[in-house]
């Protein structure tokens, strides 16, 4: 397990990832990460543009078909 400290970066906040963590995630400086909510909290993942596109499309369908989805959930 790695403990991260939140640091002030300009008007924002950030964490510093060690080289070991970057290697484990398979990312390098300049790559994007996704912070994904899970049942247990949040998960940090490498950014996957195909997954992000699919998620955007799913959200659009859910907004458009909100009533139908609500009825199906009953």
N, C-alpha and C. Protein backbone atom coordinates (compact mmCIF):
# COMPACT_ATOMS: atom_id res chain seq x y z
N UNK A 1 0.85 -1.18 0.00
CA UNK A 1 0.00 0.00 0.00
C UNK A 1 0.89 1.23 0.00
N UNK A 2 0.45 2.25 -0.71
CA UNK A 2 1.18 3.51 -0.77
C UNK A 2 0.33 4.60 -0.14
N UNK A 3 0.93 5.38 0.74
CA UNK A 3 0.26 6.51 1.36
C UNK A 3 0.66 7.77 0.61
N UNK A 4 -0.32 8.55 0.22
CA UNK A 4 -0.07 9.77 -0.54
C UNK A 4 -0.43 10.99 0.31
N UNK A 5 0.34 12.04 0.16
CA UNK A 5 0.06 13.28 0.87
C UNK A 5 -0.47 14.30 -0.13
N UNK A 6 -1.57 14.95 0.22
CA UNK A 6 -2.14 15.99 -0.64
C UNK A 6 -1.32 17.26 -0.45
N UNK A 7 -0.88 17.83 -1.57
CA UNK A 7 -0.05 19.03 -1.54
C UNK A 7 -0.73 20.16 -2.32
N UNK A 8 -0.44 21.38 -1.92
CA UNK A 8 -0.95 22.54 -2.63
C UNK A 8 -0.11 22.74 -3.89
N UNK A 9 -0.81 22.87 -5.03
CA UNK A 9 -0.14 23.13 -6.30
C UNK A 9 -0.86 24.32 -6.92
N UNK A 10 -0.31 25.51 -6.74
CA UNK A 10 -0.99 26.73 -7.20
C UNK A 10 -2.28 26.90 -6.43
N UNK A 11 -3.40 27.06 -7.15
CA UNK A 11 -4.71 27.19 -6.51
C UNK A 11 -5.41 25.83 -6.40
N UNK A 12 -4.71 24.76 -6.73
CA UNK A 12 -5.29 23.42 -6.71
C UNK A 12 -4.56 22.56 -5.68
N UNK A 13 -4.90 21.28 -5.67
CA UNK A 13 -4.24 20.32 -4.80
C UNK A 13 -3.86 19.12 -5.64
N UNK A 14 -2.84 18.40 -5.23
CA UNK A 14 -2.41 17.24 -5.99
C UNK A 14 -1.64 16.28 -5.11
N UNK A 15 -1.34 15.13 -5.67
CA UNK A 15 -0.53 14.13 -4.98
C UNK A 15 0.67 13.79 -5.87
N UNK A 16 1.73 13.35 -5.25
CA UNK A 16 2.93 12.96 -5.98
C UNK A 16 2.96 11.44 -6.04
N UNK A 17 3.09 10.89 -7.25
CA UNK A 17 3.17 9.45 -7.43
C UNK A 17 4.63 9.06 -7.65
N UNK A 18 5.08 8.05 -6.94
CA UNK A 18 6.46 7.59 -7.10
C UNK A 18 6.62 6.87 -8.43
N UNK A 19 7.84 6.69 -8.84
CA UNK A 19 8.12 5.94 -10.06
C UNK A 19 7.56 4.53 -9.99
N UNK A 20 7.61 3.94 -8.82
CA UNK A 20 7.08 2.59 -8.62
C UNK A 20 5.57 2.53 -8.90
N UNK A 21 4.85 3.55 -8.44
CA UNK A 21 3.40 3.61 -8.66
C UNK A 21 3.11 3.86 -10.14
N UNK A 22 3.87 4.75 -10.77
CA UNK A 22 3.68 5.01 -12.20
C UNK A 22 3.90 3.73 -13.00
N UNK A 23 4.94 2.98 -12.66
CA UNK A 23 5.21 1.71 -13.35
C UNK A 23 4.07 0.72 -13.15
N UNK A 24 3.56 0.63 -11.92
CA UNK A 24 2.47 -0.31 -11.62
C UNK A 24 1.21 0.05 -12.40
N UNK A 25 0.95 1.35 -12.59
CA UNK A 25 -0.21 1.80 -13.36
C UNK A 25 0.03 1.72 -14.87
N UNK A 26 1.29 1.59 -15.25
CA UNK A 26 1.62 1.55 -16.67
C UNK A 26 1.49 2.91 -17.34
N UNK A 27 1.79 3.97 -16.59
CA UNK A 27 1.69 5.33 -17.12
C UNK A 27 3.01 6.05 -16.92
N UNK A 28 3.11 7.19 -17.57
CA UNK A 28 4.30 8.02 -17.41
C UNK A 28 3.88 9.48 -17.29
N UNK A 29 4.83 10.33 -16.99
CA UNK A 29 4.54 11.76 -16.82
C UNK A 29 3.90 12.28 -18.10
N UNK A 30 2.79 12.99 -17.95
CA UNK A 30 2.05 13.55 -19.08
C UNK A 30 0.83 12.73 -19.46
N UNK A 31 0.77 11.45 -19.02
CA UNK A 31 -0.41 10.63 -19.30
C UNK A 31 -1.57 11.09 -18.43
N UNK A 32 -2.77 10.70 -18.82
CA UNK A 32 -3.97 11.04 -18.04
C UNK A 32 -4.42 9.84 -17.23
N UNK A 33 -5.01 10.12 -16.08
CA UNK A 33 -5.57 9.09 -15.21
C UNK A 33 -7.06 9.35 -15.05
N UNK A 34 -7.81 8.30 -14.73
CA UNK A 34 -9.23 8.43 -14.41
C UNK A 34 -9.40 8.13 -12.93
N UNK A 35 -10.21 8.91 -12.26
CA UNK A 35 -10.60 8.65 -10.88
C UNK A 35 -12.02 8.12 -10.95
N UNK A 36 -12.19 6.82 -10.66
CA UNK A 36 -13.45 6.14 -10.88
C UNK A 36 -14.10 5.82 -9.53
N UNK A 37 -15.35 6.29 -9.29
CA UNK A 37 -16.02 5.94 -8.03
C UNK A 37 -16.39 4.45 -8.03
N UNK A 38 -16.16 3.80 -6.89
CA UNK A 38 -16.52 2.40 -6.70
C UNK A 38 -17.30 2.27 -5.41
N UNK A 39 -17.78 1.07 -5.11
CA UNK A 39 -18.52 0.86 -3.86
C UNK A 39 -17.63 1.11 -2.64
N UNK A 40 -16.33 0.91 -2.79
CA UNK A 40 -15.41 1.03 -1.66
C UNK A 40 -14.73 2.38 -1.58
N UNK A 41 -15.00 3.28 -2.52
CA UNK A 41 -14.35 4.58 -2.54
C UNK A 41 -14.05 4.99 -3.96
N UNK A 42 -12.79 5.25 -4.25
CA UNK A 42 -12.36 5.63 -5.59
C UNK A 42 -11.21 4.76 -6.04
N UNK A 43 -11.10 4.59 -7.35
CA UNK A 43 -10.02 3.82 -7.94
C UNK A 43 -9.33 4.69 -8.99
N UNK A 44 -8.02 4.66 -9.01
CA UNK A 44 -7.24 5.41 -10.01
C UNK A 44 -6.87 4.43 -11.12
N UNK A 45 -7.19 4.80 -12.35
CA UNK A 45 -6.90 3.95 -13.51
C UNK A 45 -6.27 4.78 -14.61
N UNK A 46 -5.48 4.14 -15.47
CA UNK A 46 -5.00 4.87 -16.65
C UNK A 46 -6.20 5.28 -17.51
N UNK A 47 -6.12 6.44 -18.12
CA UNK A 47 -7.20 6.94 -18.97
C UNK A 47 -7.32 6.05 -20.20
N UNK A 48 -8.54 5.62 -20.49
CA UNK A 48 -8.83 4.79 -21.66
C UNK A 48 -9.86 5.53 -22.50
N UNK A 49 -9.45 6.14 -23.62
CA UNK A 49 -10.38 6.95 -24.41
C UNK A 49 -11.58 6.14 -24.93
N UNK A 50 -11.39 4.87 -25.24
CA UNK A 50 -12.51 4.05 -25.72
C UNK A 50 -13.54 3.85 -24.61
N UNK A 51 -13.07 3.59 -23.40
CA UNK A 51 -13.98 3.43 -22.26
C UNK A 51 -14.70 4.75 -21.97
N UNK A 52 -13.97 5.85 -22.00
CA UNK A 52 -14.57 7.16 -21.73
C UNK A 52 -15.65 7.48 -22.76
N UNK A 53 -15.41 7.15 -24.03
CA UNK A 53 -16.39 7.38 -25.09
C UNK A 53 -17.64 6.52 -24.86
N UNK A 54 -17.43 5.25 -24.53
CA UNK A 54 -18.56 4.35 -24.27
C UNK A 54 -19.38 4.83 -23.08
N UNK A 55 -18.71 5.32 -22.04
CA UNK A 55 -19.39 5.83 -20.86
C UNK A 55 -20.21 7.08 -21.19
N UNK A 56 -19.65 7.97 -21.99
CA UNK A 56 -20.39 9.17 -22.41
C UNK A 56 -21.65 8.79 -23.19
N UNK A 57 -21.52 7.80 -24.09
CA UNK A 57 -22.68 7.36 -24.86
C UNK A 57 -23.74 6.73 -23.96
N UNK A 58 -23.31 5.93 -22.99
CA UNK A 58 -24.25 5.29 -22.06
C UNK A 58 -24.98 6.35 -21.23
N UNK A 59 -24.25 7.36 -20.77
CA UNK A 59 -24.89 8.43 -20.00
C UNK A 59 -25.91 9.18 -20.83
N UNK A 60 -25.61 9.42 -22.11
CA UNK A 60 -26.56 10.11 -22.99
C UNK A 60 -27.83 9.28 -23.17
N UNK A 61 -27.69 7.99 -23.34
CA UNK A 61 -28.86 7.11 -23.47
C UNK A 61 -29.67 7.11 -22.18
N UNK A 62 -28.99 7.05 -21.04
CA UNK A 62 -29.69 7.04 -19.75
C UNK A 62 -30.47 8.34 -19.54
N UNK A 63 -29.89 9.47 -19.97
CA UNK A 63 -30.61 10.74 -19.85
C UNK A 63 -31.84 10.74 -20.76
N UNK A 64 -31.65 10.28 -21.99
CA UNK A 64 -32.73 10.30 -22.97
C UNK A 64 -33.85 9.33 -22.61
N UNK A 65 -33.52 8.20 -22.06
CA UNK A 65 -34.49 7.14 -21.76
C UNK A 65 -34.76 6.98 -20.26
N UNK A 66 -34.66 8.08 -19.53
CA UNK A 66 -34.80 8.05 -18.07
C UNK A 66 -36.12 7.41 -17.63
N UNK A 67 -37.24 7.80 -18.27
CA UNK A 67 -38.55 7.25 -17.87
C UNK A 67 -38.61 5.75 -18.10
N UNK A 68 -38.16 5.30 -19.25
CA UNK A 68 -38.20 3.86 -19.58
C UNK A 68 -37.32 3.08 -18.59
N UNK A 69 -36.16 3.59 -18.29
CA UNK A 69 -35.27 2.90 -17.35
C UNK A 69 -35.87 2.86 -15.95
N UNK A 70 -36.54 3.93 -15.56
CA UNK A 70 -37.19 3.97 -14.25
C UNK A 70 -38.28 2.92 -14.17
N UNK A 71 -39.07 2.77 -15.24
CA UNK A 71 -40.13 1.76 -15.27
C UNK A 71 -39.55 0.34 -15.23
N UNK A 72 -38.49 0.12 -15.96
CA UNK A 72 -37.84 -1.19 -15.96
C UNK A 72 -37.27 -1.56 -14.59
N UNK A 73 -36.88 -0.55 -13.83
CA UNK A 73 -36.29 -0.80 -12.52
C UNK A 73 -37.33 -1.19 -11.47
N UNK A 74 -38.61 -0.99 -11.78
CA UNK A 74 -39.67 -1.31 -10.80
C UNK A 74 -39.86 -2.79 -10.66
